[in-house]
Amino acid sequence: MPDQPADNRTAAQKLVGDISPKLAQLSDDVLFGDVWARPGLSRRDRSLATITALIAQRASEQLLPHIKIGLTNGLTQTEIAELITHLAFYTGWPAAMNAIGVARQAFAEHEQTTASKP
């Protein structure tokens, strides 16, 4: 079996590029290329703000990768759990309970990824 070529597509290209190449390009260039790179907030703080907004919207599908990004950007599992607990009083109990389930999965996947790196 021949070696598979490396997939150099971005996450946005993989997620939506086949249906909406422009949305993938805007995600790459504007959202992650400009907004996330601006000097006014650290990547850690941007992760904290993004996770908060996604919890409030109950956007589980987007929350999962952003919790993992947050961990990579310096947030701890304890901080994320405390954020979710705090938000339960502002976004509602169901949103927080949903977020805990997503966080559990994100923590496990992040640990598997970091454990497999040399």
N, C-alpha and C. Protein backbone atom coordinates (compact mmCIF):
# COMPACT_ATOMS: atom_id res chain seq x y z
N MET A 1 0.85 -1.18 0.00
CA MET A 1 0.00 0.00 0.00
C MET A 1 0.89 1.24 0.00
N PRO A 2 0.70 2.16 -0.95
CA PRO A 2 1.55 3.34 -1.01
C PRO A 2 1.27 4.29 0.15
N ASP A 3 2.29 5.07 0.47
CA ASP A 3 2.12 6.08 1.53
C ASP A 3 1.07 7.08 1.12
N GLN A 4 0.25 7.49 2.08
CA GLN A 4 -0.76 8.51 1.84
C GLN A 4 -0.07 9.88 1.88
N PRO A 5 -0.41 10.78 0.95
CA PRO A 5 0.18 12.11 1.02
C PRO A 5 -0.30 12.85 2.26
N ALA A 6 0.56 13.70 2.78
CA ALA A 6 0.18 14.49 3.96
C ALA A 6 -0.98 15.41 3.61
N ASP A 7 -1.92 15.51 4.51
CA ASP A 7 -3.07 16.39 4.31
C ASP A 7 -2.72 17.74 4.91
N ASN A 8 -2.39 18.69 4.07
CA ASN A 8 -1.95 20.01 4.53
C ASN A 8 -3.08 21.01 4.62
N ARG A 9 -4.32 20.52 4.49
CA ARG A 9 -5.45 21.44 4.59
C ARG A 9 -5.62 21.89 6.03
N THR A 10 -6.12 23.12 6.19
CA THR A 10 -6.40 23.63 7.52
C THR A 10 -7.66 22.97 8.07
N ALA A 11 -7.90 23.17 9.36
CA ALA A 11 -9.12 22.63 9.97
C ALA A 11 -10.36 23.17 9.27
N ALA A 12 -10.36 24.45 8.94
CA ALA A 12 -11.51 25.06 8.26
C ALA A 12 -11.71 24.46 6.87
N GLN A 13 -10.61 24.23 6.16
CA GLN A 13 -10.71 23.63 4.84
C GLN A 13 -11.28 22.21 4.92
N LYS A 14 -10.86 21.47 5.93
CA LYS A 14 -11.38 20.11 6.11
C LYS A 14 -12.85 20.12 6.49
N LEU A 15 -13.23 21.08 7.33
CA LEU A 15 -14.59 21.13 7.87
C LEU A 15 -15.61 21.63 6.85
N VAL A 16 -15.29 22.70 6.13
CA VAL A 16 -16.30 23.31 5.25
C VAL A 16 -15.80 23.61 3.85
N GLY A 17 -14.52 23.40 3.57
CA GLY A 17 -13.94 23.79 2.29
C GLY A 17 -14.56 23.16 1.08
N ASP A 18 -15.08 21.95 1.21
CA ASP A 18 -15.69 21.29 0.06
C ASP A 18 -17.02 21.94 -0.32
N ILE A 19 -17.72 22.48 0.64
CA ILE A 19 -19.02 23.11 0.40
C ILE A 19 -18.88 24.61 0.21
N SER A 20 -18.06 25.24 1.05
CA SER A 20 -17.90 26.70 1.00
C SER A 20 -16.43 27.08 1.13
N PRO A 21 -15.72 27.05 0.02
CA PRO A 21 -14.31 27.43 0.07
C PRO A 21 -14.09 28.84 0.61
N LYS A 22 -15.02 29.75 0.33
CA LYS A 22 -14.88 31.13 0.81
C LYS A 22 -14.98 31.19 2.33
N LEU A 23 -15.93 30.45 2.93
CA LEU A 23 -16.04 30.43 4.38
C LEU A 23 -14.77 29.86 5.00
N ALA A 24 -14.21 28.82 4.40
CA ALA A 24 -12.94 28.26 4.88
C ALA A 24 -11.83 29.30 4.79
N GLN A 25 -11.77 30.02 3.66
CA GLN A 25 -10.73 31.03 3.47
C GLN A 25 -10.88 32.17 4.47
N LEU A 26 -12.11 32.63 4.71
CA LEU A 26 -12.35 33.68 5.70
C LEU A 26 -11.99 33.21 7.10
N SER A 27 -12.31 31.98 7.40
CA SER A 27 -11.96 31.42 8.72
C SER A 27 -10.45 31.41 8.90
N ASP A 28 -9.74 30.97 7.87
CA ASP A 28 -8.28 30.89 7.95
C ASP A 28 -7.64 32.28 7.99
N ASP A 29 -8.04 33.14 7.05
CA ASP A 29 -7.36 34.43 6.88
C ASP A 29 -7.80 35.49 7.88
N VAL A 30 -9.11 35.60 8.10
CA VAL A 30 -9.61 36.68 8.95
C VAL A 30 -9.71 36.23 10.40
N LEU A 31 -10.47 35.17 10.65
CA LEU A 31 -10.69 34.76 12.04
C LEU A 31 -9.39 34.30 12.69
N PHE A 32 -8.79 33.25 12.13
CA PHE A 32 -7.60 32.70 12.77
C PHE A 32 -6.32 33.41 12.34
N GLY A 33 -6.32 34.02 11.17
CA GLY A 33 -5.13 34.72 10.70
C GLY A 33 -5.00 36.12 11.24
N ASP A 34 -6.11 36.81 11.46
CA ASP A 34 -6.05 38.20 11.93
C ASP A 34 -6.59 38.33 13.36
N VAL A 35 -7.85 37.96 13.57
CA VAL A 35 -8.48 38.19 14.87
C VAL A 35 -7.70 37.48 15.99
N TRP A 36 -7.34 36.24 15.80
CA TRP A 36 -6.63 35.50 16.85
C TRP A 36 -5.18 35.95 17.00
N ALA A 37 -4.65 36.68 16.01
CA ALA A 37 -3.25 37.10 16.07
C ALA A 37 -3.08 38.53 16.57
N ARG A 38 -4.16 39.24 16.78
CA ARG A 38 -4.06 40.64 17.22
C ARG A 38 -3.39 40.72 18.60
N PRO A 39 -2.63 41.79 18.85
CA PRO A 39 -1.86 41.88 20.09
C PRO A 39 -2.65 42.29 21.32
N GLY A 40 -3.90 42.71 21.20
CA GLY A 40 -4.65 43.23 22.34
C GLY A 40 -4.99 42.21 23.41
N LEU A 41 -5.08 40.95 23.04
CA LEU A 41 -5.34 39.86 23.99
C LEU A 41 -4.38 38.73 23.69
N SER A 42 -4.00 38.01 24.72
CA SER A 42 -3.17 36.82 24.52
C SER A 42 -4.05 35.72 23.92
N ARG A 43 -3.41 34.72 23.33
CA ARG A 43 -4.16 33.58 22.79
C ARG A 43 -4.90 32.87 23.93
N ARG A 44 -4.30 32.82 25.11
CA ARG A 44 -4.95 32.21 26.27
C ARG A 44 -6.24 32.95 26.59
N ASP A 45 -6.19 34.28 26.64
CA ASP A 45 -7.38 35.07 26.95
C ASP A 45 -8.42 34.96 25.84
N ARG A 46 -7.98 34.91 24.60
CA ARG A 46 -8.93 34.72 23.50
C ARG A 46 -9.63 33.36 23.62
N SER A 47 -8.88 32.35 24.04
CA SER A 47 -9.49 31.03 24.25
C SER A 47 -10.53 31.10 25.36
N LEU A 48 -10.21 31.78 26.45
CA LEU A 48 -11.14 31.91 27.56
C LEU A 48 -12.44 32.60 27.10
N ALA A 49 -12.30 33.68 26.34
CA ALA A 49 -13.47 34.39 25.84
C ALA A 49 -14.27 33.54 24.86
N THR A 50 -13.59 32.83 23.99
CA THR A 50 -14.27 32.00 23.00
C THR A 50 -15.02 30.85 23.66
N ILE A 51 -14.37 30.19 24.61
CA ILE A 51 -15.02 29.09 25.32
C ILE A 51 -16.26 29.60 26.05
N THR A 52 -16.16 30.77 26.68
CA THR A 52 -17.30 31.36 27.37
C THR A 52 -18.47 31.59 26.42
N ALA A 53 -18.17 32.19 25.27
CA ALA A 53 -19.24 32.48 24.29
C ALA A 53 -19.87 31.19 23.77
N LEU A 54 -19.07 30.19 23.52
CA LEU A 54 -19.60 28.92 22.99
C LEU A 54 -20.45 28.20 24.03
N ILE A 55 -20.05 28.27 25.30
CA ILE A 55 -20.87 27.67 26.37
C ILE A 55 -22.22 28.38 26.42
N ALA A 56 -22.20 29.70 26.37
CA ALA A 56 -23.44 30.48 26.44
C ALA A 56 -24.38 30.14 25.28
N GLN A 57 -23.81 29.82 24.14
CA GLN A 57 -24.62 29.48 22.97
C GLN A 57 -24.96 27.99 22.88
N ARG A 58 -24.41 27.21 23.81
CA ARG A 58 -24.53 25.75 23.77
C ARG A 58 -24.07 25.19 22.43
N ALA A 59 -22.97 25.73 21.95
CA ALA A 59 -22.40 25.33 20.66
C ALA A 59 -21.40 24.20 20.88
N SER A 60 -21.92 23.03 21.23
CA SER A 60 -21.08 21.89 21.61
C SER A 60 -20.09 21.49 20.54
N GLU A 61 -20.51 21.51 19.30
CA GLU A 61 -19.63 21.06 18.22
C GLU A 61 -18.39 21.95 18.11
N GLN A 62 -18.57 23.24 18.28
CA GLN A 62 -17.44 24.15 18.23
C GLN A 62 -16.70 24.22 19.57
N LEU A 63 -17.41 23.95 20.66
CA LEU A 63 -16.80 24.00 21.99
C LEU A 63 -15.70 22.96 22.15
N LEU A 64 -15.91 21.77 21.65
CA LEU A 64 -14.94 20.68 21.81
C LEU A 64 -13.55 21.08 21.31
N PRO A 65 -13.41 21.49 20.05
CA PRO A 65 -12.06 21.86 19.61
C PRO A 65 -11.51 23.10 20.32
N HIS A 66 -12.39 24.02 20.70
CA HIS A 66 -11.90 25.24 21.34
C HIS A 66 -11.43 24.98 22.77
N ILE A 67 -12.00 24.01 23.45
CA ILE A 67 -11.45 23.65 24.76
C ILE A 67 -10.05 23.06 24.58
N LYS A 68 -9.87 22.22 23.56
CA LYS A 68 -8.55 21.65 23.30
C LYS A 68 -7.56 22.75 22.90
N ILE A 69 -8.00 23.70 22.10
CA ILE A 69 -7.14 24.84 21.75
C ILE A 69 -6.78 25.63 23.01
N GLY A 70 -7.78 25.83 23.89
CA GLY A 70 -7.53 26.54 25.14
C GLY A 70 -6.48 25.86 25.99
N LEU A 71 -6.54 24.55 26.06
CA LEU A 71 -5.53 23.80 26.81
C LEU A 71 -4.14 24.00 26.20
N THR A 72 -4.09 23.98 24.88
CA THR A 72 -2.82 24.23 24.19
C THR A 72 -2.34 25.66 24.41
N ASN A 73 -3.29 26.59 24.53
CA ASN A 73 -2.96 28.00 24.74
C ASN A 73 -2.70 28.36 26.20
N GLY A 74 -2.66 27.38 27.09
CA GLY A 74 -2.25 27.63 28.46
C GLY A 74 -3.34 27.55 29.52
N LEU A 75 -4.59 27.36 29.13
CA LEU A 75 -5.63 27.16 30.14
C LEU A 75 -5.45 25.79 30.77
N THR A 76 -5.81 25.66 32.03
CA THR A 76 -5.73 24.36 32.70
C THR A 76 -7.12 23.74 32.77
N GLN A 77 -7.16 22.45 33.02
CA GLN A 77 -8.44 21.77 33.19
C GLN A 77 -9.19 22.38 34.37
N THR A 78 -8.47 22.70 35.44
CA THR A 78 -9.09 23.30 36.62
C THR A 78 -9.73 24.64 36.27
N GLU A 79 -9.03 25.46 35.50
CA GLU A 79 -9.58 26.77 35.11
C GLU A 79 -10.83 26.62 34.24
N ILE A 80 -10.80 25.68 33.32
CA ILE A 80 -11.95 25.47 32.45
C ILE A 80 -13.14 24.96 33.26
N ALA A 81 -12.90 24.03 34.19
CA ALA A 81 -13.98 23.53 35.04
C ALA A 81 -14.55 24.65 35.90
N GLU A 82 -13.69 25.51 36.44
CA GLU A 82 -14.15 26.63 37.25
C GLU A 82 -14.94 27.64 36.41
N LEU A 83 -14.50 27.86 35.18
CA LEU A 83 -15.23 28.74 34.26
C LEU A 83 -16.64 28.20 34.03
N ILE A 84 -16.75 26.92 33.77
CA ILE A 84 -18.06 26.30 33.52
C ILE A 84 -18.94 26.43 34.76
N THR A 85 -18.39 26.19 35.94
CA THR A 85 -19.15 26.33 37.18
C THR A 85 -19.64 27.76 37.35
N HIS A 86 -18.77 28.71 37.12
CA HIS A 86 -19.13 30.13 37.23
C HIS A 86 -20.24 30.48 36.23
N LEU A 87 -20.11 29.99 35.01
CA LEU A 87 -21.09 30.32 33.97
C LEU A 87 -22.45 29.67 34.21
N ALA A 88 -22.51 28.64 35.02
CA ALA A 88 -23.80 28.00 35.30
C ALA A 88 -24.81 29.02 35.84
N PHE A 89 -24.31 30.02 36.56
CA PHE A 89 -25.18 31.02 37.16
C PHE A 89 -25.54 32.15 36.19
N TYR A 90 -24.85 32.23 35.08
CA TYR A 90 -25.08 33.30 34.11
C TYR A 90 -25.66 32.79 32.79
N THR A 91 -25.34 31.56 32.43
CA THR A 91 -25.83 31.01 31.15
C THR A 91 -26.88 29.93 31.34
N GLY A 92 -27.04 29.48 32.56
CA GLY A 92 -28.03 28.45 32.86
C GLY A 92 -27.38 27.11 33.17
N TRP A 93 -28.07 26.38 34.03
CA TRP A 93 -27.58 25.07 34.46
C TRP A 93 -27.43 24.09 33.30
N PRO A 94 -28.43 24.01 32.40
CA PRO A 94 -28.28 23.07 31.28
C PRO A 94 -27.07 23.37 30.40
N ALA A 95 -26.77 24.65 30.18
CA ALA A 95 -25.60 24.99 29.37
C ALA A 95 -24.32 24.52 30.06
N ALA A 96 -24.25 24.69 31.36
CA ALA A 96 -23.07 24.27 32.11
C ALA A 96 -22.95 22.74 32.13
N MET A 97 -24.05 22.07 32.34
CA MET A 97 -24.02 20.60 32.36
C MET A 97 -23.59 20.06 31.00
N ASN A 98 -24.08 20.67 29.94
CA ASN A 98 -23.67 20.29 28.59
C ASN A 98 -22.17 20.52 28.42
N ALA A 99 -21.69 21.68 28.88
CA ALA A 99 -20.28 22.02 28.73
C ALA A 99 -19.37 21.07 29.49
N ILE A 100 -19.81 20.60 30.65
CA ILE A 100 -19.00 19.65 31.42
C ILE A 100 -18.79 18.36 30.62
N GLY A 101 -19.83 17.88 29.97
CA GLY A 101 -19.69 16.68 29.15
C GLY A 101 -18.72 16.88 28.00
N VAL A 102 -18.79 18.05 27.37
CA VAL A 102 -17.87 18.37 26.27
C VAL A 102 -16.45 18.50 26.82
N ALA A 103 -16.30 19.16 27.96
CA ALA A 103 -14.98 19.32 28.56
C ALA A 103 -14.36 17.97 28.90
N ARG A 104 -15.15 17.07 29.43
CA ARG A 104 -14.64 15.73 29.77
C ARG A 104 -14.03 15.08 28.53
N GLN A 105 -14.75 15.16 27.41
CA GLN A 105 -14.26 14.58 26.17
C GLN A 105 -13.01 15.31 25.68
N ALA A 106 -13.03 16.64 25.73
CA ALA A 106 -11.88 17.43 25.28
C ALA A 106 -10.63 17.13 26.11
N PHE A 107 -10.81 17.03 27.43
CA PHE A 107 -9.67 16.72 28.31
C PHE A 107 -9.07 15.37 27.95
N ALA A 108 -9.92 14.38 27.74
CA ALA A 108 -9.44 13.03 27.41
C ALA A 108 -8.71 13.03 26.06
N GLU A 109 -9.30 13.68 25.07
CA GLU A 109 -8.67 13.72 23.75
C GLU A 109 -7.35 14.50 23.79
N HIS A 110 -7.33 15.59 24.54
CA HIS A 110 -6.09 16.39 24.66
C HIS A 110 -5.00 15.56 25.34
N GLU A 111 -5.36 14.84 26.39
CA GLU A 111 -4.38 14.02 27.09
C GLU A 111 -3.84 12.91 26.19
N GLN A 112 -4.72 12.30 25.38
CA GLN A 112 -4.27 11.26 24.45
C GLN A 112 -3.30 11.84 23.43
N THR A 113 -3.62 13.03 22.92
CA THR A 113 -2.77 13.66 21.93
C THR A 113 -1.41 14.02 22.51
N THR A 114 -1.40 14.60 23.70
CA THR A 114 -0.13 15.01 24.29
C THR A 114 0.67 13.81 24.77
N ALA A 115 0.02 12.74 25.17
CA ALA A 115 0.73 11.54 25.61
C ALA A 115 1.41 10.83 24.45
N SER A 116 0.84 10.96 23.25
CA SER A 116 1.42 10.26 22.10
C SER A 116 2.54 11.04 21.44
N LYS A 117 2.77 12.29 21.86
CA LYS A 117 3.87 13.08 21.31
C LYS A 117 5.16 12.72 22.01
N PRO A 118 6.25 12.62 21.24
CA PRO A 118 7.53 12.26 21.86
C PRO A 118 8.08 13.33 22.77
